[in-house]
Structures are given as C-alpha cells and as structure tokens.
Amino acid sequence: MYNFSIGILLDSLRLPFAEAVEKAAAAGAAGVQMYLTRGQVHPSEITEKTVKERLDIINSHGLTVSAICGDLGGGFGNTEENPRKIELSKRILEMTMLFGTNIVTTHIGVVPEDKNDPKYSIMQEACGQLAEYADSLGGHFAVETGPESAITLKGFLDSLNSRGVAVNLDPANLVMVAGDDPVKAVYTLKDYIVHTHAKDGVKLTDPDAGKLCGEEHLKELLDAGKTYKEFPLGSGKVDFDRYLAALNEIGYNGYLTIEREGGDDRVGDVARAVKFLESKIGKK
C-alpha cells in the first residue's frame, strides 16, 4: 500500500463550485484543487470571506485542499508583463495559505535548453523573486512538468537555490508534449516534487498512437495539427505501476490530483480515475 492521497482538480468536472465539490466527495477523493485566477477568485478580487465560504463547503464534505492552481497564462518570459504577474502570483500564494495548503501549481513557460538564451535569464529573475517570496511564507510555486524535459527543468530549478519554486509532476504532459519518461523524471526531479497531477495520454508521433487512437482518428488528429491526445486515466501511455512505485521510492507521500482535460463524461471519467488509483495504491 502506498501512502498517497487522491485529489480531484475541480475544473475537470465542468460544474458549479459547490456541485463539483459534492461530486468529488462522492467519487471518494480526499482533497480538491481549484483555480484562483478568474471571476470571484481572481487574485485581484478574492477576499478572505470568499476563501472562508469556499473552504467551509470543501470541509463540510470531509475534504481538504491539495493545492491551488495559480496559472496566469503565458509564463514568465516577458519582462514587461512579469512585474504584474509576479505580484498577482504573490497574492495567490497568500490566499492559498488560507486554504490550508502551501502549494500553488503554475506554468512558467518553456525553459530554454540553452542557458545563454536571453529568455532563460528573464525567467530566472522572475522565478527567483517568486522563490524568495514563497520561502518567506513557507510555500511553493510548483512548476507543472511537460513543456521541457525533466533534466532541463532540474537545471533551471537548481540555479534558483530554493525549493520555493518546486515541481508539480504531471506524467501525461511529459509523455504527450516533451516525449519524456515520467519514471525517470521522478528520480531526476525528486528533490523538488511537492504535488502531482494524475493524467494520461499519448504523443501522436508515438508508435502506439494509432493503436490507442485508432488509425483513422489518428490521421484526423494529425491533419488537424494536433500533436497529442489525452485519455482517461489508465488508457494512455503513462506506466502507472512503475510511475507510482518510483514516487514511493523517493519518499513522496502527497497528492495524486486527477486532471481530465477532455471527454464527454467528465464526472464519470474522474470517478473511474479515483477507482483506478485506489486499485494501484491499495486504498479502498
């Protein structure tokens, strides 16, 4: 039995907040993740009263908050936009702490492989500021894996000399986008992993893509310019047996938060994903 907890990214359900929380509890999750980037919960709008109201709903269903999603879009590669995004990100982390978690998952943009690329130092400066602020609060901005290889991301994080900017490991993104091995990524990024997403999929150039998608559908996807396809948990290319064993081996004992980006039966897919993970980690 593995010591992981199962969470659900509420936005995956495409339901009003209170209903989504109810469905997450009914599915058997222990925690939930939500966005704080739009509407009533935009960082410039959210109040402590709103936090309390939402947390009361979550706690009333016996759930906790696994993490907050604070992705503002576009990353931190633009010197003109970065000051505004950094301040909004700091506000999100402040509100996140009120939800009883210290983890904000986000995308920082694609880290260049070449450290001499001007964008590298721009991102480094912005993430350095985020890391310093996160350290001051005992929190983490957790970078979602996928746009670049795990080894490139590790080199970037090492340069910050902090775990204030850490890792939200998404195995499907590594498979679908970077063409990287999630199992190896666990060992590469082990010092930084503070949260994970449970998602599955395939890169359309993978030799098995036709078998998984169907040859005709694969051709349609490629003709449409698609490069990957997300699948319900357990039906894509992520080897969850090896992946979960690796997480356990490095001592990770946090959340596997289910994310479903597509599909016509979000609620059903997420509920089945909970059961799939329960079968893998030995929890019923």
Protein backbone atom coordinates (compact mmCIF):
# COMPACT_ATOMS: atom_id res chain seq x y z
CA MET A 1 0.00 0.00 0.00
CA TYR A 2 1.33 3.41 -0.97
CA ASN A 3 0.92 6.46 1.25
CA PHE A 4 -0.58 8.77 -1.37
CA SER A 5 -3.79 10.77 -1.21
CA ILE A 6 -6.17 11.14 -4.14
CA GLY A 7 -7.36 14.57 -5.20
CA ILE A 8 -9.52 16.00 -7.99
CA LEU A 9 -8.98 19.21 -9.94
CA LEU A 10 -12.48 20.65 -9.67
CA ASP A 11 -12.33 22.38 -13.06
CA SER A 12 -12.07 18.93 -14.66
CA LEU A 13 -15.72 18.34 -13.74
CA ARG A 14 -17.04 21.46 -15.51
CA LEU A 15 -19.64 22.04 -12.79
CA PRO A 16 -20.54 24.92 -10.45
CA PHE A 17 -18.19 25.01 -7.46
CA ALA A 18 -20.46 23.51 -4.76
CA GLU A 19 -21.72 20.78 -7.09
CA ALA A 20 -18.17 19.93 -8.16
CA VAL A 21 -17.09 19.57 -4.53
CA GLU A 22 -20.07 17.28 -3.87
CA LYS A 23 -19.15 15.10 -6.87
CA ALA A 24 -15.50 14.95 -5.76
CA ALA A 25 -16.55 13.73 -2.32
CA ALA A 26 -18.96 11.19 -3.81
CA ALA A 27 -16.18 9.85 -6.03
CA GLY A 28 -14.08 9.11 -2.94
CA ALA A 29 -11.41 11.79 -3.20
CA ALA A 30 -9.60 13.07 -0.12
CA GLY A 31 -8.87 16.53 -1.49
CA VAL A 32 -9.54 19.02 -4.25
CA GLN A 33 -7.60 21.55 -6.26
CA MET A 34 -9.12 24.71 -7.77
CA TYR A 35 -8.10 27.74 -9.81
CA LEU A 36 -7.72 31.17 -8.21
CA THR A 37 -7.32 33.06 -11.46
CA ARG A 38 -10.74 34.19 -12.65
CA GLY A 39 -14.05 35.65 -11.59
CA GLN A 40 -14.76 35.88 -7.87
CA VAL A 41 -11.49 34.16 -7.09
CA HIS A 42 -9.22 36.21 -9.34
CA PRO A 43 -6.24 37.33 -7.23
CA SER A 44 -7.28 40.97 -7.59
CA GLU A 45 -10.85 40.20 -6.44
CA ILE A 46 -10.71 37.39 -3.91
CA THR A 47 -11.31 38.19 -0.24
CA GLU A 48 -10.77 36.28 2.95
CA LYS A 49 -14.57 36.00 3.20
CA THR A 50 -14.69 34.21 -0.16
CA VAL A 51 -11.91 31.89 0.94
CA LYS A 52 -13.80 31.01 4.12
CA GLU A 53 -17.05 30.38 2.25
CA ARG A 54 -15.37 28.02 -0.20
CA LEU A 55 -13.28 26.30 2.44
CA ASP A 56 -16.39 25.71 4.55
CA ILE A 57 -18.03 23.95 1.58
CA ILE A 58 -14.93 21.83 1.00
CA ASN A 59 -14.51 20.89 4.66
CA SER A 60 -18.23 20.15 5.08
CA HIS A 61 -17.75 17.27 2.63
CA GLY A 62 -14.77 15.93 4.57
CA LEU A 63 -12.27 17.18 2.00
CA THR A 64 -9.10 19.25 2.17
CA VAL A 65 -7.31 21.36 -0.45
CA SER A 66 -4.43 19.56 -2.15
CA ALA A 67 -3.15 22.66 -3.95
CA ILE A 68 -4.29 25.82 -5.69
CA CYS A 69 -3.82 26.41 -9.43
CA GLY A 70 -2.40 29.86 -10.00
CA ASP A 71 -1.51 29.67 -13.69
CA LEU A 72 -1.87 33.18 -15.15
CA GLY A 73 -1.09 32.09 -18.72
CA GLY A 74 1.92 32.87 -20.87
CA GLY A 75 4.59 32.09 -18.30
CA PHE A 76 7.30 34.46 -17.10
CA GLY A 77 9.32 35.12 -20.23
CA ASN A 78 8.20 38.71 -20.83
CA THR A 79 9.96 41.49 -18.92
CA GLU A 80 7.07 43.89 -19.40
CA GLU A 81 4.40 41.51 -18.12
CA ASN A 82 6.43 39.88 -15.35
CA PRO A 83 6.05 42.56 -12.63
CA ARG A 84 2.25 42.35 -12.80
CA LYS A 85 2.24 38.55 -12.91
CA ILE A 86 4.69 38.28 -10.04
CA GLU A 87 2.54 40.48 -7.81
CA LEU A 88 -0.61 38.55 -8.73
CA SER A 89 1.21 35.28 -8.06
CA LYS A 90 2.27 36.51 -4.63
CA ARG A 91 -1.36 37.38 -3.87
CA ILE A 92 -2.45 33.91 -4.98
CA LEU A 93 0.07 32.31 -2.62
CA GLU A 94 -1.17 34.46 0.26
CA MET A 95 -4.74 33.32 -0.36
CA THR A 96 -3.57 29.74 -0.87
CA MET A 97 -2.19 29.62 2.66
CA LEU A 98 -5.68 30.49 3.96
CA PHE A 99 -7.00 27.36 2.24
CA GLY A 100 -4.75 25.22 4.41
CA THR A 101 -2.21 24.33 1.74
CA ASN A 102 1.08 25.93 0.75
CA ILE A 103 1.25 24.79 -2.87
CA VAL A 104 0.41 26.87 -5.95
CA THR A 105 0.74 24.95 -9.21
CA THR A 106 1.58 27.00 -12.29
CA HIS A 107 3.24 27.11 -15.69
CA ILE A 108 6.30 29.33 -16.03
CA GLY A 109 6.72 28.97 -19.81
CA VAL A 110 9.14 26.78 -21.73
CA VAL A 111 12.60 26.74 -20.15
CA PRO A 112 15.20 27.10 -22.95
CA GLU A 113 17.73 24.30 -23.21
CA ASP A 114 20.40 26.92 -23.93
CA LYS A 115 21.23 28.83 -20.77
CA ASN A 116 22.58 31.65 -22.92
CA ASP A 117 19.16 32.24 -24.41
CA PRO A 118 18.03 35.71 -23.16
CA LYS A 119 14.69 34.22 -22.12
CA TYR A 120 16.48 31.93 -19.65
CA SER A 121 17.74 34.80 -17.50
CA ILE A 122 14.39 36.60 -17.73
CA MET A 123 12.58 33.54 -16.39
CA GLN A 124 15.34 33.01 -13.84
CA GLU A 125 14.92 36.53 -12.47
CA ALA A 126 11.13 36.23 -12.21
CA CYS A 127 11.21 32.78 -10.64
CA GLY A 128 13.92 33.92 -8.26
CA GLN A 129 11.54 36.58 -6.95
CA LEU A 130 8.73 34.03 -6.64
CA ALA A 131 11.02 31.58 -4.86
CA GLU A 132 12.18 34.19 -2.37
CA TYR A 133 8.61 35.18 -1.54
CA ALA A 134 7.47 31.56 -1.28
CA ASP A 135 10.37 30.80 1.06
CA SER A 136 9.33 33.72 3.27
CA LEU A 137 5.85 32.18 3.68
CA GLY A 138 6.91 28.54 3.78
CA GLY A 139 5.16 27.90 0.48
CA HIS A 140 5.87 26.61 -3.02
CA PHE A 141 5.14 27.66 -6.56
CA ALA A 142 5.07 24.23 -8.19
CA VAL A 143 6.01 24.25 -11.88
CA GLU A 144 3.99 21.81 -13.97
CA THR A 145 6.17 19.45 -15.97
CA GLY A 146 5.86 18.94 -19.70
CA PRO A 147 6.99 21.86 -21.85
CA GLU A 148 10.64 20.87 -21.48
CA SER A 149 12.49 17.74 -20.44
CA ALA A 150 12.86 16.91 -16.77
CA ILE A 151 16.63 17.34 -16.95
CA THR A 152 16.28 20.85 -18.42
CA LEU A 153 13.78 21.80 -15.72
CA LYS A 154 16.04 20.45 -12.98
CA GLY A 155 18.96 22.52 -14.19
CA PHE A 156 16.79 25.62 -14.12
CA LEU A 157 15.48 24.89 -10.61
CA ASP A 158 18.98 24.13 -9.33
CA SER A 159 20.02 27.61 -10.45
CA LEU A 160 17.45 29.19 -8.11
CA ASN A 161 18.94 27.57 -4.97
CA SER A 162 15.50 27.27 -3.42
CA ARG A 163 12.51 24.97 -3.13
CA GLY A 164 10.21 28.00 -3.14
CA VAL A 165 9.81 27.19 -6.82
CA ALA A 166 9.31 23.44 -6.92
CA VAL A 167 7.55 20.84 -9.12
CA ASN A 168 4.02 19.68 -9.83
CA LEU A 169 4.80 16.48 -11.69
CA ASP A 170 2.31 15.76 -14.48
CA PRO A 171 3.30 12.43 -16.06
CA ALA A 172 0.96 12.82 -19.04
CA ASN A 173 2.43 16.18 -20.02
CA LEU A 174 5.87 14.61 -20.09
CA VAL A 175 4.59 11.82 -22.33
CA MET A 176 2.36 13.94 -24.57
CA VAL A 177 4.47 17.08 -25.01
CA ALA A 178 8.09 16.54 -24.05
CA GLY A 179 8.27 12.88 -25.09
CA ASP A 180 10.00 12.26 -21.76
CA ASP A 181 9.81 9.27 -19.42
CA PRO A 182 7.78 10.12 -16.27
CA VAL A 183 9.53 7.39 -14.27
CA LYS A 184 12.98 8.82 -14.98
CA ALA A 185 11.55 12.29 -14.33
CA VAL A 186 10.58 11.26 -10.80
CA TYR A 187 14.19 10.44 -9.98
CA THR A 188 15.54 13.49 -11.81
CA LEU A 189 13.21 15.92 -10.02
CA LYS A 190 12.92 14.08 -6.70
CA ASP A 191 14.25 16.97 -4.62
CA TYR A 192 11.55 19.31 -5.93
CA ILE A 193 8.31 17.31 -6.23
CA VAL A 194 5.63 18.69 -3.88
CA HIS A 195 2.46 17.80 -5.80
CA THR A 196 1.43 15.66 -8.76
CA HIS A 197 -1.34 15.53 -11.33
CA ALA A 198 -2.80 12.17 -12.34
CA LYS A 199 -3.42 12.34 -16.08
CA ASP A 200 -2.85 10.10 -19.09
CA GLY A 201 -2.35 10.46 -22.82
CA VAL A 202 -0.17 9.82 -25.84
CA LYS A 203 2.07 11.78 -28.16
CA LEU A 204 0.69 11.33 -31.67
CA THR A 205 4.12 10.51 -33.11
CA ASP A 206 4.44 7.60 -30.67
CA PRO A 207 4.49 4.19 -32.41
CA ASP A 208 1.47 3.10 -30.33
CA ALA A 209 -0.60 6.19 -31.10
CA GLY A 210 -2.54 4.51 -33.91
CA LYS A 211 -3.38 1.55 -31.70
CA LEU A 212 -4.62 3.81 -28.90
CA CYS A 213 -6.47 6.38 -31.02
CA GLY A 214 -7.49 4.23 -33.94
CA GLU A 215 -5.67 4.75 -37.23
CA GLU A 216 -8.46 6.78 -38.82
CA HIS A 217 -8.86 9.06 -35.82
CA LEU A 218 -5.09 9.45 -35.56
CA LYS A 219 -4.98 10.68 -39.16
CA GLU A 220 -7.79 13.16 -38.39
CA LEU A 221 -5.88 14.48 -35.38
CA LEU A 222 -2.63 14.85 -37.29
CA ASP A 223 -4.39 16.51 -40.23
CA ALA A 224 -5.88 18.98 -37.74
CA GLY A 225 -2.40 19.85 -36.48
CA LYS A 226 -2.75 18.08 -33.15
CA THR A 227 0.38 16.71 -31.52
CA TYR A 228 -1.07 14.74 -28.60
CA LYS A 229 -4.27 13.26 -27.24
CA GLU A 230 -5.33 12.99 -23.61
CA PHE A 231 -7.00 9.78 -22.44
CA PRO A 232 -8.96 8.66 -19.37
CA LEU A 233 -6.59 7.54 -16.64
CA GLY A 234 -5.06 4.15 -17.28
CA SER A 235 -5.77 4.04 -21.02
CA GLY A 236 -2.86 6.12 -22.32
CA LYS A 237 0.92 5.71 -22.35
CA VAL A 238 1.75 6.52 -18.73
CA ASP A 239 3.01 3.38 -16.98
CA PHE A 240 1.32 3.99 -13.64
CA ASP A 241 2.70 0.87 -11.96
CA ARG A 242 6.29 1.97 -12.49
CA TYR A 243 5.49 5.66 -12.03
CA LEU A 244 3.78 5.22 -8.65
CA ALA A 245 6.50 2.84 -7.49
CA ALA A 246 9.08 5.49 -8.33
CA LEU A 247 7.18 8.17 -6.39
CA ASN A 248 7.01 5.81 -3.43
CA GLU A 249 10.71 5.02 -3.67
CA ILE A 250 11.76 8.68 -3.45
CA GLY A 251 9.55 9.14 -0.38
CA TYR A 252 6.78 11.18 -1.94
CA ASN A 253 3.61 10.91 0.15
CA GLY A 254 1.46 13.73 -1.17
CA TYR A 255 -1.45 14.06 -3.57
CA LEU A 256 -2.19 12.40 -6.88
CA THR A 257 -4.66 15.02 -8.13
CA ILE A 258 -6.76 13.83 -11.05
CA GLU A 259 -6.99 16.15 -14.04
CA ARG A 260 -9.26 15.46 -17.02
CA GLU A 261 -8.95 17.91 -19.89
CA GLY A 262 -11.33 16.36 -22.45
CA GLY A 263 -14.04 13.78 -22.90
CA ASP A 264 -17.83 13.85 -22.93
CA ASP A 265 -18.27 12.27 -19.49
CA ARG A 266 -16.02 14.27 -17.19
CA VAL A 267 -17.76 13.22 -13.96
CA GLY A 268 -17.72 9.55 -14.93
CA ASP A 269 -14.11 9.64 -16.12
CA VAL A 270 -12.96 11.29 -12.91
CA ALA A 271 -14.89 8.85 -10.71
CA ARG A 272 -13.37 5.95 -12.63
CA ALA A 273 -9.94 7.56 -12.26
CA VAL A 274 -10.35 7.54 -8.48
CA LYS A 275 -11.14 3.83 -8.57
CA PHE A 276 -8.18 3.22 -10.88
CA LEU A 277 -5.79 4.96 -8.49
CA GLU A 278 -7.29 3.20 -5.47
CA SER A 279 -6.59 -0.13 -7.13
CA LYS A 280 -2.99 0.91 -7.79
CA ILE A 281 -2.15 2.32 -4.38
CA GLY A 282 -4.03 -0.24 -2.33
CA LYS A 283 -6.73 2.02 -0.90
CA LYS A 284 -10.41 1.18 -0.99
